[in-house]
Amino acid sequence: MNKLTHFNQTGDAHMVDVGGKNISHRIAVSEGRIRMLPETLAMIQQGSHKKGDVLGIARVAGIMAAKRTADLIPLCHPLALTHVSIELTPDSGQSEVYCQTRVETRGQTGVEMEALCATQVALLTIYDMCKAVDRGMQIDQVRLREKSGGKSGHWKR
């Protein structure tokens, strides 16, 4: 197992120096889901929620979160993202909304944290918008599905 890179030789937290790394096309795909009452999902799908387009607002919130990840996670590098897409798919059979996020950049460090942050914030936004009618919603299985680029290459769950 590799060593933890966010600690220096004396054990102090530090921002990793990526200056010597090659620039490459980097992609990360993350996923997660939010489970809810069937009535809550129906309200989202029918667009009858009094706060408006729940999935549209959640998508924008997730994109904004990807762009602001370095402001939230102390040792993340600020990155110039070249692409962020968030797919929110309602599943009536499971009474949930599935979220898949894809983030891309051309740079010296990966975009896994940006993808994970975007997924989590998109799902949290759904929770925030629907909590008045369903406080028991549950966010599950937020995880990295795949990443590519950089020295470590391609990884898939």
N, C-alpha and C. Protein backbone atom coordinates (compact mmCIF):
# COMPACT_ATOMS: atom_id res chain seq x y z
N MET A 1 0.84 -1.18 0.00
CA MET A 1 0.00 0.00 0.00
C MET A 1 0.88 1.25 0.00
N ASN A 2 0.51 2.24 -0.78
CA ASN A 2 1.26 3.49 -0.84
C ASN A 2 1.07 4.27 0.45
N LYS A 3 1.99 5.20 0.69
CA LYS A 3 1.88 6.04 1.88
C LYS A 3 0.85 7.14 1.66
N LEU A 4 0.37 7.69 2.75
CA LEU A 4 -0.55 8.81 2.67
C LEU A 4 0.23 10.03 2.20
N THR A 5 -0.22 10.67 1.13
CA THR A 5 0.55 11.73 0.51
C THR A 5 0.32 13.11 1.10
N HIS A 6 -0.71 13.28 1.90
CA HIS A 6 -1.01 14.60 2.45
C HIS A 6 -0.31 14.88 3.78
N PHE A 7 0.69 14.06 4.09
CA PHE A 7 1.50 14.29 5.29
C PHE A 7 2.97 14.31 4.89
N ASN A 8 3.72 15.26 5.44
CA ASN A 8 5.14 15.33 5.13
C ASN A 8 5.92 14.34 6.00
N GLN A 9 7.24 14.39 5.92
CA GLN A 9 8.06 13.41 6.62
C GLN A 9 7.96 13.49 8.13
N THR A 10 7.55 14.66 8.64
CA THR A 10 7.40 14.80 10.10
C THR A 10 5.96 14.58 10.54
N GLY A 11 5.09 14.21 9.61
CA GLY A 11 3.70 13.91 9.95
C GLY A 11 2.75 15.09 9.91
N ASP A 12 3.23 16.24 9.43
CA ASP A 12 2.37 17.41 9.34
C ASP A 12 1.58 17.38 8.03
N ALA A 13 0.33 17.83 8.09
CA ALA A 13 -0.48 17.92 6.88
C ALA A 13 0.10 18.97 5.95
N HIS A 14 0.08 18.68 4.66
CA HIS A 14 0.55 19.65 3.66
C HIS A 14 -0.16 19.39 2.34
N MET A 15 -0.13 20.38 1.47
CA MET A 15 -0.68 20.24 0.14
C MET A 15 0.39 19.58 -0.73
N VAL A 16 0.03 18.51 -1.40
CA VAL A 16 0.96 17.75 -2.23
C VAL A 16 1.47 18.64 -3.36
N ASP A 17 2.77 18.57 -3.63
CA ASP A 17 3.37 19.32 -4.74
C ASP A 17 3.14 18.53 -6.02
N VAL A 18 2.30 19.06 -6.91
CA VAL A 18 2.01 18.38 -8.18
C VAL A 18 2.75 19.04 -9.34
N GLY A 19 3.63 20.00 -9.02
CA GLY A 19 4.32 20.77 -10.05
C GLY A 19 5.14 19.95 -11.02
N GLY A 20 5.69 18.84 -10.58
CA GLY A 20 6.51 18.01 -11.45
C GLY A 20 5.74 16.95 -12.21
N LYS A 21 4.45 16.85 -11.98
CA LYS A 21 3.64 15.82 -12.65
C LYS A 21 3.30 16.24 -14.07
N ASN A 22 3.13 15.27 -14.93
CA ASN A 22 2.73 15.55 -16.31
C ASN A 22 1.27 15.97 -16.39
N ILE A 23 1.00 16.85 -17.32
CA ILE A 23 -0.39 17.23 -17.59
C ILE A 23 -1.01 16.11 -18.40
N SER A 24 -2.18 15.67 -17.98
CA SER A 24 -2.91 14.64 -18.73
C SER A 24 -4.40 14.88 -18.60
N HIS A 25 -5.14 14.23 -19.49
CA HIS A 25 -6.60 14.30 -19.46
C HIS A 25 -7.05 13.41 -18.31
N ARG A 26 -7.73 14.00 -17.35
CA ARG A 26 -8.15 13.28 -16.15
C ARG A 26 -9.67 13.27 -16.06
N ILE A 27 -10.21 12.12 -15.73
CA ILE A 27 -11.66 11.93 -15.64
C ILE A 27 -11.97 11.18 -14.35
N ALA A 28 -13.03 11.58 -13.70
CA ALA A 28 -13.53 10.82 -12.55
C ALA A 28 -15.04 10.71 -12.67
N VAL A 29 -15.56 9.55 -12.35
CA VAL A 29 -16.99 9.29 -12.35
C VAL A 29 -17.37 8.80 -10.96
N SER A 30 -18.35 9.46 -10.36
CA SER A 30 -18.82 9.05 -9.04
C SER A 30 -20.32 8.80 -9.11
N GLU A 31 -20.84 8.18 -8.06
CA GLU A 31 -22.26 7.87 -8.02
C GLU A 31 -22.76 7.91 -6.59
N GLY A 32 -24.07 7.96 -6.47
CA GLY A 32 -24.73 7.90 -5.18
C GLY A 32 -26.23 7.88 -5.40
N ARG A 33 -26.96 7.73 -4.32
CA ARG A 33 -28.42 7.67 -4.44
C ARG A 33 -29.06 8.25 -3.19
N ILE A 34 -30.28 8.71 -3.35
CA ILE A 34 -31.06 9.15 -2.21
C ILE A 34 -32.39 8.41 -2.25
N ARG A 35 -32.66 7.70 -1.17
CA ARG A 35 -33.90 6.92 -1.05
C ARG A 35 -34.94 7.77 -0.32
N MET A 36 -36.19 7.60 -0.71
CA MET A 36 -37.26 8.44 -0.15
C MET A 36 -38.59 7.72 -0.22
N LEU A 37 -39.61 8.33 0.37
CA LEU A 37 -40.96 7.79 0.26
C LEU A 37 -41.43 7.86 -1.19
N PRO A 38 -42.23 6.88 -1.61
CA PRO A 38 -42.74 6.91 -2.98
C PRO A 38 -43.48 8.22 -3.30
N GLU A 39 -44.19 8.77 -2.33
CA GLU A 39 -44.93 10.02 -2.54
C GLU A 39 -43.98 11.19 -2.80
N THR A 40 -42.85 11.16 -2.14
CA THR A 40 -41.86 12.23 -2.34
C THR A 40 -41.29 12.15 -3.75
N LEU A 41 -40.95 10.95 -4.19
CA LEU A 41 -40.42 10.77 -5.54
C LEU A 41 -41.46 11.17 -6.59
N ALA A 42 -42.71 10.80 -6.35
CA ALA A 42 -43.78 11.18 -7.29
C ALA A 42 -43.89 12.70 -7.39
N MET A 43 -43.78 13.38 -6.27
CA MET A 43 -43.84 14.84 -6.26
C MET A 43 -42.70 15.43 -7.10
N ILE A 44 -41.50 14.87 -6.95
CA ILE A 44 -40.34 15.32 -7.73
C ILE A 44 -40.59 15.09 -9.22
N GLN A 45 -41.04 13.90 -9.57
CA GLN A 45 -41.23 13.54 -10.98
C GLN A 45 -42.34 14.35 -11.64
N GLN A 46 -43.39 14.64 -10.88
CA GLN A 46 -44.52 15.39 -11.44
C GLN A 46 -44.27 16.89 -11.49
N GLY A 47 -43.20 17.32 -10.83
CA GLY A 47 -42.90 18.75 -10.80
C GLY A 47 -43.86 19.53 -9.93
N SER A 48 -44.52 18.85 -9.00
CA SER A 48 -45.53 19.51 -8.17
C SER A 48 -44.95 20.03 -6.85
N HIS A 49 -43.65 19.93 -6.69
CA HIS A 49 -43.01 20.42 -5.46
C HIS A 49 -43.07 21.94 -5.47
N LYS A 50 -43.48 22.52 -4.35
CA LYS A 50 -43.68 23.97 -4.31
C LYS A 50 -42.39 24.76 -4.49
N LYS A 51 -41.22 24.12 -4.30
CA LYS A 51 -39.94 24.83 -4.47
C LYS A 51 -39.45 24.79 -5.92
N GLY A 52 -40.16 24.08 -6.80
CA GLY A 52 -39.79 24.09 -8.21
C GLY A 52 -39.13 22.81 -8.68
N ASP A 53 -38.29 22.94 -9.68
CA ASP A 53 -37.63 21.81 -10.35
C ASP A 53 -36.52 21.26 -9.46
N VAL A 54 -36.84 20.28 -8.66
CA VAL A 54 -35.90 19.74 -7.69
C VAL A 54 -34.65 19.19 -8.37
N LEU A 55 -34.81 18.40 -9.41
CA LEU A 55 -33.65 17.78 -10.04
C LEU A 55 -32.81 18.81 -10.79
N GLY A 56 -33.43 19.78 -11.41
CA GLY A 56 -32.68 20.83 -12.10
C GLY A 56 -31.84 21.65 -11.14
N ILE A 57 -32.42 22.00 -10.01
CA ILE A 57 -31.69 22.78 -9.01
C ILE A 57 -30.57 21.94 -8.41
N ALA A 58 -30.83 20.66 -8.15
CA ALA A 58 -29.80 19.77 -7.60
C ALA A 58 -28.64 19.62 -8.58
N ARG A 59 -28.94 19.55 -9.87
CA ARG A 59 -27.88 19.42 -10.88
C ARG A 59 -26.97 20.65 -10.86
N VAL A 60 -27.57 21.83 -10.83
CA VAL A 60 -26.78 23.06 -10.79
C VAL A 60 -25.96 23.14 -9.50
N ALA A 61 -26.56 22.75 -8.38
CA ALA A 61 -25.83 22.76 -7.10
C ALA A 61 -24.62 21.84 -7.16
N GLY A 62 -24.79 20.68 -7.76
CA GLY A 62 -23.68 19.74 -7.89
C GLY A 62 -22.56 20.29 -8.76
N ILE A 63 -22.92 20.93 -9.86
CA ILE A 63 -21.91 21.54 -10.73
C ILE A 63 -21.15 22.63 -9.98
N MET A 64 -21.88 23.45 -9.25
CA MET A 64 -21.24 24.49 -8.45
C MET A 64 -20.30 23.89 -7.41
N ALA A 65 -20.71 22.79 -6.80
CA ALA A 65 -19.88 22.13 -5.78
C ALA A 65 -18.59 21.61 -6.39
N ALA A 66 -18.66 21.03 -7.58
CA ALA A 66 -17.45 20.54 -8.24
C ALA A 66 -16.46 21.68 -8.43
N LYS A 67 -16.97 22.84 -8.82
CA LYS A 67 -16.11 24.00 -9.06
C LYS A 67 -15.54 24.59 -7.78
N ARG A 68 -16.17 24.32 -6.64
CA ARG A 68 -15.74 24.91 -5.37
C ARG A 68 -15.11 23.90 -4.41
N THR A 69 -14.79 22.73 -4.89
CA THR A 69 -14.27 21.68 -4.02
C THR A 69 -13.05 22.12 -3.21
N ALA A 70 -12.13 22.83 -3.85
CA ALA A 70 -10.91 23.26 -3.14
C ALA A 70 -11.23 24.23 -2.00
N ASP A 71 -12.40 24.88 -2.05
CA ASP A 71 -12.80 25.76 -0.95
C ASP A 71 -13.36 24.96 0.23
N LEU A 72 -13.75 23.73 -0.01
CA LEU A 72 -14.38 22.90 1.02
C LEU A 72 -13.44 21.86 1.61
N ILE A 73 -12.57 21.29 0.81
CA ILE A 73 -11.66 20.24 1.24
C ILE A 73 -10.27 20.87 1.36
N PRO A 74 -9.75 21.01 2.56
CA PRO A 74 -8.58 21.86 2.80
C PRO A 74 -7.36 21.61 1.93
N LEU A 75 -7.04 20.37 1.60
CA LEU A 75 -5.79 20.11 0.89
C LEU A 75 -5.97 19.82 -0.60
N CYS A 76 -7.17 20.06 -1.12
CA CYS A 76 -7.42 19.91 -2.56
C CYS A 76 -6.85 21.10 -3.32
N HIS A 77 -6.34 20.82 -4.50
CA HIS A 77 -5.84 21.88 -5.37
C HIS A 77 -7.01 22.53 -6.11
N PRO A 78 -7.00 23.83 -6.29
CA PRO A 78 -8.00 24.46 -7.16
C PRO A 78 -7.72 24.04 -8.60
N LEU A 79 -8.73 23.58 -9.29
CA LEU A 79 -8.54 23.05 -10.64
C LEU A 79 -9.40 23.80 -11.65
N ALA A 80 -8.89 23.87 -12.86
CA ALA A 80 -9.68 24.40 -13.98
C ALA A 80 -10.40 23.21 -14.61
N LEU A 81 -11.65 23.03 -14.27
CA LEU A 81 -12.42 21.91 -14.79
C LEU A 81 -12.83 22.20 -16.24
N THR A 82 -12.75 21.18 -17.07
CA THR A 82 -13.15 21.34 -18.46
C THR A 82 -14.55 20.80 -18.74
N HIS A 83 -15.07 19.98 -17.81
CA HIS A 83 -16.41 19.42 -18.03
C HIS A 83 -16.95 18.87 -16.71
N VAL A 84 -18.21 19.14 -16.45
CA VAL A 84 -18.93 18.52 -15.33
C VAL A 84 -20.31 18.15 -15.84
N SER A 85 -20.69 16.90 -15.70
CA SER A 85 -22.06 16.50 -16.03
C SER A 85 -22.63 15.69 -14.87
N ILE A 86 -23.89 15.94 -14.59
CA ILE A 86 -24.58 15.25 -13.51
C ILE A 86 -25.89 14.72 -14.05
N GLU A 87 -26.05 13.40 -13.97
CA GLU A 87 -27.29 12.76 -14.37
C GLU A 87 -28.04 12.35 -13.11
N LEU A 88 -29.27 12.79 -13.00
CA LEU A 88 -30.14 12.43 -11.88
C LEU A 88 -31.29 11.62 -12.44
N THR A 89 -31.36 10.35 -12.05
CA THR A 89 -32.32 9.42 -12.62
C THR A 89 -33.27 8.91 -11.55
N PRO A 90 -34.55 9.30 -11.62
CA PRO A 90 -35.53 8.76 -10.67
C PRO A 90 -35.78 7.27 -10.96
N ASP A 91 -35.93 6.49 -9.92
CA ASP A 91 -36.23 5.07 -10.02
C ASP A 91 -37.41 4.77 -9.12
N SER A 92 -38.60 4.68 -9.71
CA SER A 92 -39.82 4.45 -8.94
C SER A 92 -39.81 3.10 -8.25
N GLY A 93 -39.22 2.10 -8.88
CA GLY A 93 -39.16 0.76 -8.29
C GLY A 93 -38.40 0.73 -6.99
N GLN A 94 -37.34 1.52 -6.89
CA GLN A 94 -36.53 1.58 -5.68
C GLN A 94 -36.88 2.79 -4.81
N SER A 95 -37.75 3.64 -5.30
CA SER A 95 -38.14 4.88 -4.62
C SER A 95 -36.89 5.70 -4.26
N GLU A 96 -36.11 6.01 -5.31
CA GLU A 96 -34.87 6.74 -5.12
C GLU A 96 -34.54 7.57 -6.35
N VAL A 97 -33.57 8.45 -6.17
CA VAL A 97 -32.96 9.16 -7.28
C VAL A 97 -31.50 8.75 -7.29
N TYR A 98 -31.06 8.25 -8.44
CA TYR A 98 -29.67 7.84 -8.64
C TYR A 98 -28.92 9.01 -9.27
N CYS A 99 -27.73 9.29 -8.77
CA CYS A 99 -26.91 10.39 -9.29
C CYS A 99 -25.60 9.82 -9.82
N GLN A 100 -25.26 10.22 -11.05
CA GLN A 100 -23.94 9.90 -11.59
C GLN A 100 -23.30 11.19 -12.06
N THR A 101 -22.08 11.43 -11.63
CA THR A 101 -21.34 12.64 -11.95
C THR A 101 -20.07 12.29 -12.70
N ARG A 102 -19.78 13.07 -13.74
CA ARG A 102 -18.53 12.92 -14.50
C ARG A 102 -17.84 14.28 -14.52
N VAL A 103 -16.58 14.29 -14.10
CA VAL A 103 -15.80 15.52 -14.07
C VAL A 103 -14.51 15.29 -14.86
N GLU A 104 -14.11 16.30 -15.63
CA GLU A 104 -12.90 16.20 -16.44
C GLU A 104 -12.05 17.46 -16.31
N THR A 105 -10.77 17.26 -16.49
CA THR A 105 -9.82 18.37 -16.57
C THR A 105 -8.61 17.91 -17.36
N ARG A 106 -7.80 18.84 -17.74
CA ARG A 106 -6.47 18.55 -18.26
C ARG A 106 -5.52 19.21 -17.27
N GLY A 107 -4.84 18.38 -16.50
CA GLY A 107 -4.03 18.96 -15.44
C GLY A 107 -3.07 17.98 -14.83
N GLN A 108 -2.54 18.36 -13.67
CA GLN A 108 -1.50 17.60 -13.00
C GLN A 108 -2.00 16.81 -11.78
N THR A 109 -3.29 16.90 -11.51
CA THR A 109 -3.86 16.12 -10.42
C THR A 109 -5.29 15.73 -10.79
N GLY A 110 -5.78 14.68 -10.16
CA GLY A 110 -7.07 14.10 -10.52
C GLY A 110 -8.27 14.88 -10.02
N VAL A 111 -9.43 14.45 -10.46
CA VAL A 111 -10.69 15.13 -10.16
C VAL A 111 -11.66 14.25 -9.38
N GLU A 112 -11.12 13.26 -8.66
CA GLU A 112 -11.99 12.38 -7.87
C GLU A 112 -12.76 13.15 -6.81
N MET A 113 -12.09 14.04 -6.10
CA MET A 113 -12.76 14.79 -5.04
C MET A 113 -13.85 15.70 -5.60
N GLU A 114 -13.59 16.27 -6.76
CA GLU A 114 -14.60 17.14 -7.38
C GLU A 114 -15.84 16.34 -7.76
N ALA A 115 -15.65 15.15 -8.29
CA ALA A 115 -16.79 14.30 -8.65
C ALA A 115 -17.57 13.87 -7.42
N LEU A 116 -16.86 13.43 -6.38
CA LEU A 116 -17.53 13.00 -5.16
C LEU A 116 -18.26 14.16 -4.47
N CYS A 117 -17.65 15.31 -4.45
CA CYS A 117 -18.26 16.49 -3.83
C CYS A 117 -19.53 16.87 -4.60
N ALA A 118 -19.46 16.85 -5.92
CA ALA A 118 -20.62 17.19 -6.74
C ALA A 118 -21.78 16.23 -6.50
N THR A 119 -21.49 14.95 -6.45
CA THR A 119 -22.55 13.95 -6.20
C THR A 119 -23.20 14.18 -4.85
N GLN A 120 -22.36 14.36 -3.84
CA GLN A 120 -22.89 14.53 -2.49
C GLN A 120 -23.76 15.79 -2.39
N VAL A 121 -23.29 16.90 -2.95
CA VAL A 121 -24.05 18.14 -2.86
C VAL A 121 -25.34 18.07 -3.68
N ALA A 122 -25.31 17.42 -4.82
CA ALA A 122 -26.55 17.25 -5.60
C ALA A 122 -27.58 16.48 -4.77
N LEU A 123 -27.15 15.41 -4.11
CA LEU A 123 -28.06 14.62 -3.29
C LEU A 123 -28.52 15.39 -2.05
N LEU A 124 -27.61 16.13 -1.44
CA LEU A 124 -27.99 16.96 -0.29
C LEU A 124 -29.00 18.03 -0.68
N THR A 125 -28.89 18.54 -1.89
CA THR A 125 -29.84 19.54 -2.36
C THR A 125 -31.23 18.94 -2.51
N ILE A 126 -31.30 17.72 -3.01
CA ILE A 126 -32.60 17.04 -3.08
C ILE A 126 -33.17 16.90 -1.67
N TYR A 127 -32.31 16.48 -0.73
CA TYR A 127 -32.77 16.35 0.65
C TYR A 127 -33.29 17.70 1.17
N ASP A 128 -32.52 18.73 0.98
CA ASP A 128 -32.90 20.06 1.47
C ASP A 128 -34.24 20.51 0.89
N MET A 129 -34.44 20.28 -0.38
CA MET A 129 -35.66 20.75 -1.03
C MET A 129 -36.89 19.94 -0.64
N CYS A 130 -36.67 18.69 -0.20
CA CYS A 130 -37.81 17.80 0.08
C CYS A 130 -37.98 17.45 1.56
N LYS A 131 -37.13 17.96 2.42
CA LYS A 131 -37.17 17.56 3.83
C LYS A 131 -38.47 17.96 4.53
N ALA A 132 -39.15 18.97 4.04
CA ALA A 132 -40.41 19.37 4.66
C ALA A 132 -41.48 18.29 4.54
N VAL A 133 -41.38 17.45 3.50
CA VAL A 133 -42.37 16.39 3.31
C VAL A 133 -41.83 15.00 3.62
N ASP A 134 -40.48 14.87 3.77
CA ASP A 134 -39.90 13.55 3.99
C ASP A 134 -38.54 13.68 4.68
N ARG A 135 -38.55 13.73 6.00
CA ARG A 135 -37.29 13.86 6.75
C ARG A 135 -36.52 12.54 6.81
N GLY A 136 -37.13 11.45 6.44
CA GLY A 136 -36.48 10.14 6.52
C GLY A 136 -35.69 9.75 5.29
N MET A 137 -35.49 10.66 4.36
CA MET A 137 -34.69 10.34 3.17
C MET A 137 -33.30 9.90 3.61
N GLN A 138 -32.68 9.05 2.79
CA GLN A 138 -31.38 8.49 3.14
C GLN A 138 -30.45 8.54 1.94
N ILE A 139 -29.30 9.17 2.12
CA ILE A 139 -28.28 9.21 1.08
C ILE A 139 -27.38 8.00 1.27
N ASP A 140 -27.16 7.25 0.19
CA ASP A 140 -26.40 5.99 0.25
C ASP A 140 -25.39 5.90 -0.88
N GLN A 141 -24.41 5.07 -0.65
CA GLN A 141 -23.49 4.56 -1.68
C GLN A 141 -22.82 5.66 -2.50
N VAL A 142 -22.44 6.76 -1.87
CA VAL A 142 -21.66 7.77 -2.58
C VAL A 142 -20.25 7.21 -2.68
N ARG A 143 -19.78 7.05 -3.91
CA ARG A 143 -18.49 6.41 -4.12
C ARG A 143 -17.93 6.71 -5.50
N LEU A 144 -16.63 6.52 -5.62
CA LEU A 144 -15.98 6.66 -6.91
C LEU A 144 -16.25 5.40 -7.73
N ARG A 145 -16.69 5.58 -8.97
CA ARG A 145 -16.92 4.44 -9.86
C ARG A 145 -15.71 4.18 -10.74
N GLU A 146 -15.09 5.28 -11.19
CA GLU A 146 -14.01 5.13 -12.16
C GLU A 146 -13.17 6.39 -12.20
N LYS A 147 -11.89 6.23 -12.50
CA LYS A 147 -11.02 7.39 -12.73
C LYS A 147 -9.98 6.99 -13.77
N SER A 148 -9.54 7.99 -14.52
CA SER A 148 -8.49 7.74 -15.49
C SER A 148 -7.60 8.97 -15.60
N GLY A 149 -6.39 8.73 -16.12
CA GLY A 149 -5.42 9.80 -16.28
C GLY A 149 -4.39 9.78 -15.19
N GLY A 150 -3.28 10.43 -15.48
CA GLY A 150 -2.22 10.52 -14.48
C GLY A 150 -1.37 9.27 -14.41
N LYS A 151 -0.44 9.30 -13.46
CA LYS A 151 0.54 8.23 -13.29
C LYS A 151 -0.12 6.89 -12.91
N SER A 152 -1.18 6.98 -12.10
CA SER A 152 -1.82 5.73 -11.65
C SER A 152 -2.74 5.12 -12.70
N GLY A 153 -3.01 5.85 -13.79
CA GLY A 153 -3.77 5.29 -14.89
C GLY A 153 -5.25 5.11 -14.63
N HIS A 154 -5.79 4.05 -15.19
CA HIS A 154 -7.23 3.80 -15.15
C HIS A 154 -7.57 2.89 -13.98
N TRP A 155 -8.64 3.26 -13.26
CA TRP A 155 -9.15 2.43 -12.16
C TRP A 155 -10.65 2.38 -12.31
N LYS A 156 -11.23 1.20 -12.13
CA LYS A 156 -12.67 1.02 -12.21
C LYS A 156 -13.12 0.13 -11.07
N ARG A 157 -14.23 0.52 -10.41
CA ARG A 157 -14.78 -0.25 -9.32
C ARG A 157 -15.24 -1.60 -9.84
